[in-house]
Amino acid sequence: MHGKKTKGRKRQIATDTMGCLLGVVVHRANLVDTTMGLWSAMVASCAYPTIKRFCADKGYRGTFIYDAYAFVALSR
């Protein structure tokens, strides 16, 4: 059974390697996935500061990688 989808909404979800939920961001569909994916990574890393790495698919390259490095550099 599939979860109900709401038109005009997207979800960015961060999980650990076992699939346990670490962070969720729900946003309007017209916002860029890479930017909002970074928000979900930031939520997860703030809630769990021991996180050392993130893995994402090819859709999150470029801006996501640059902004994630900048976030890590500023948070130290």
C-alpha atoms as a PDB file:
ATOM      1  CA  MET A   1       0.000   0.000   0.000  1.00  0.00           C
ATOM      2  CA  HIS A   2       1.341   3.430  -0.934  1.00  0.00           C
ATOM      3  CA  GLY A   3       1.109   6.522   1.236  1.00  0.00           C
ATOM      4  CA  LYS A   4      -1.302   9.220   0.172  1.00  0.00           C
ATOM      5  CA  LYS A   5       0.377  11.900  -1.933  1.00  0.00           C
ATOM      6  CA  THR A   6      -0.654  15.521  -1.592  1.00  0.00           C
ATOM      7  CA  LYS A   7      -0.390  17.598  -4.757  1.00  0.00           C
ATOM      8  CA  GLY A   8       2.088  20.414  -4.585  1.00  0.00           C
ATOM      9  CA  ARG A   9       4.182  18.978  -1.734  1.00  0.00           C
ATOM     10  CA  LYS A  10       7.551  17.232  -1.664  1.00  0.00           C
ATOM     11  CA  ARG A  11       9.429  15.463   1.111  1.00  0.00           C
ATOM     12  CA  GLN A  12      13.161  15.376   1.738  1.00  0.00           C
ATOM     13  CA  ILE A  13      14.057  12.586   4.142  1.00  0.00           C
ATOM     14  CA  ALA A  14      17.359  11.736   5.864  1.00  0.00           C
ATOM     15  CA  THR A  15      17.750   8.205   7.203  1.00  0.00           C
ATOM     16  CA  ASP A  16      20.613   6.160   8.595  1.00  0.00           C
ATOM     17  CA  THR A  17      21.955   3.036   6.887  1.00  0.00           C
ATOM     18  CA  MET A  18      19.291   0.908   8.578  1.00  0.00           C
ATOM     19  CA  GLY A  19      16.456   3.173   7.394  1.00  0.00           C
ATOM     20  CA  CYS A  20      15.761   4.884  10.721  1.00  0.00           C
ATOM     21  CA  LEU A  21      14.406   8.389  10.277  1.00  0.00           C
ATOM     22  CA  LEU A  22      16.843  11.191  11.182  1.00  0.00           C
ATOM     23  CA  GLY A  23      15.303  14.284   9.593  1.00  0.00           C
ATOM     24  CA  VAL A  24      12.336  15.298   7.431  1.00  0.00           C
ATOM     25  CA  VAL A  25      11.527  18.486   5.556  1.00  0.00           C
ATOM     26  CA  VAL A  26       8.166  18.884   3.799  1.00  0.00           C
ATOM     27  CA  HIS A  27       8.009  21.764   1.331  1.00  0.00           C
ATOM     28  CA  ARG A  28       6.188  23.237  -1.658  1.00  0.00           C
ATOM     29  CA  ALA A  29       6.771  21.444  -4.940  1.00  0.00           C
ATOM     30  CA  ASN A  30       8.145  24.560  -6.640  1.00  0.00           C
ATOM     31  CA  LEU A  31      11.266  24.683  -4.426  1.00  0.00           C
ATOM     32  CA  VAL A  32      14.561  23.173  -5.614  1.00  0.00           C
ATOM     33  CA  ASP A  33      15.262  19.643  -4.335  1.00  0.00           C
ATOM     34  CA  THR A  34      18.974  20.239  -3.759  1.00  0.00           C
ATOM     35  CA  THR A  35      18.340  23.242  -1.523  1.00  0.00           C
ATOM     36  CA  MET A  36      15.664  21.513   0.506  1.00  0.00           C
ATOM     37  CA  GLY A  37      17.733  18.306   0.665  1.00  0.00           C
ATOM     38  CA  LEU A  38      20.409  20.367   2.356  1.00  0.00           C
ATOM     39  CA  TRP A  39      17.823  21.489   4.923  1.00  0.00           C
ATOM     40  CA  SER A  40      16.991  17.880   5.724  1.00  0.00           C
ATOM     41  CA  ALA A  41      20.719  17.079   6.052  1.00  0.00           C
ATOM     42  CA  MET A  42      21.158  20.068   8.382  1.00  0.00           C
ATOM     43  CA  VAL A  43      18.187  18.973  10.512  1.00  0.00           C
ATOM     44  CA  ALA A  44      19.689  15.492  10.818  1.00  0.00           C
ATOM     45  CA  SER A  45      23.198  16.744  11.582  1.00  0.00           C
ATOM     46  CA  CYS A  46      21.944  19.177  14.240  1.00  0.00           C
ATOM     47  CA  ALA A  47      19.846  16.465  15.891  1.00  0.00           C
ATOM     48  CA  TYR A  48      22.652  13.894  15.626  1.00  0.00           C
ATOM     49  CA  PRO A  49      26.015  15.725  15.729  1.00  0.00           C
ATOM     50  CA  THR A  50      28.000  12.480  15.458  1.00  0.00           C
ATOM     51  CA  ILE A  51      27.010  12.069  11.780  1.00  0.00           C
ATOM     52  CA  LYS A  52      30.171  12.128   9.685  1.00  0.00           C
ATOM     53  CA  ARG A  53      28.936  11.407   6.141  1.00  0.00           C
ATOM     54  CA  PHE A  54      25.929  11.772   3.913  1.00  0.00           C
ATOM     55  CA  CYS A  55      25.117   9.743   0.817  1.00  0.00           C
ATOM     56  CA  ALA A  56      22.727  10.987  -1.848  1.00  0.00           C
ATOM     57  CA  ASP A  57      21.820  10.128  -5.419  1.00  0.00           C
ATOM     58  CA  LYS A  58      23.095  12.039  -8.451  1.00  0.00           C
ATOM     59  CA  GLY A  59      20.235  14.529  -8.267  1.00  0.00           C
ATOM     60  CA  TYR A  60      21.901  16.154  -5.261  1.00  0.00           C
ATOM     61  CA  ARG A  61      25.317  16.900  -6.762  1.00  0.00           C
ATOM     62  CA  GLY A  62      26.681  20.395  -7.332  1.00  0.00           C
ATOM     63  CA  THR A  63      24.967  22.947  -5.119  1.00  0.00           C
ATOM     64  CA  PHE A  64      24.144  20.384  -2.431  1.00  0.00           C
ATOM     65  CA  ILE A  65      27.787  19.325  -2.060  1.00  0.00           C
ATOM     66  CA  TYR A  66      29.112  22.897  -2.020  1.00  0.00           C
ATOM     67  CA  ASP A  67      26.523  24.091   0.504  1.00  0.00           C
ATOM     68  CA  ALA A  68      27.006  21.015   2.731  1.00  0.00           C
ATOM     69  CA  TYR A  69      30.758  21.679   2.939  1.00  0.00           C
ATOM     70  CA  ALA A  70      30.061  25.347   3.725  1.00  0.00           C
ATOM     71  CA  PHE A  71      27.614  24.325   6.487  1.00  0.00           C
ATOM     72  CA  VAL A  72      30.156  21.965   8.033  1.00  0.00           C
ATOM     73  CA  ALA A  73      32.884  24.614   7.895  1.00  0.00           C
ATOM     74  CA  LEU A  74      30.637  27.198   9.597  1.00  0.00           C
ATOM     75  CA  SER A  75      29.405  24.809  12.279  1.00  0.00           C
ATOM     76  CA  ARG A  76      32.922  23.985  13.532  1.00  0.00           C
END
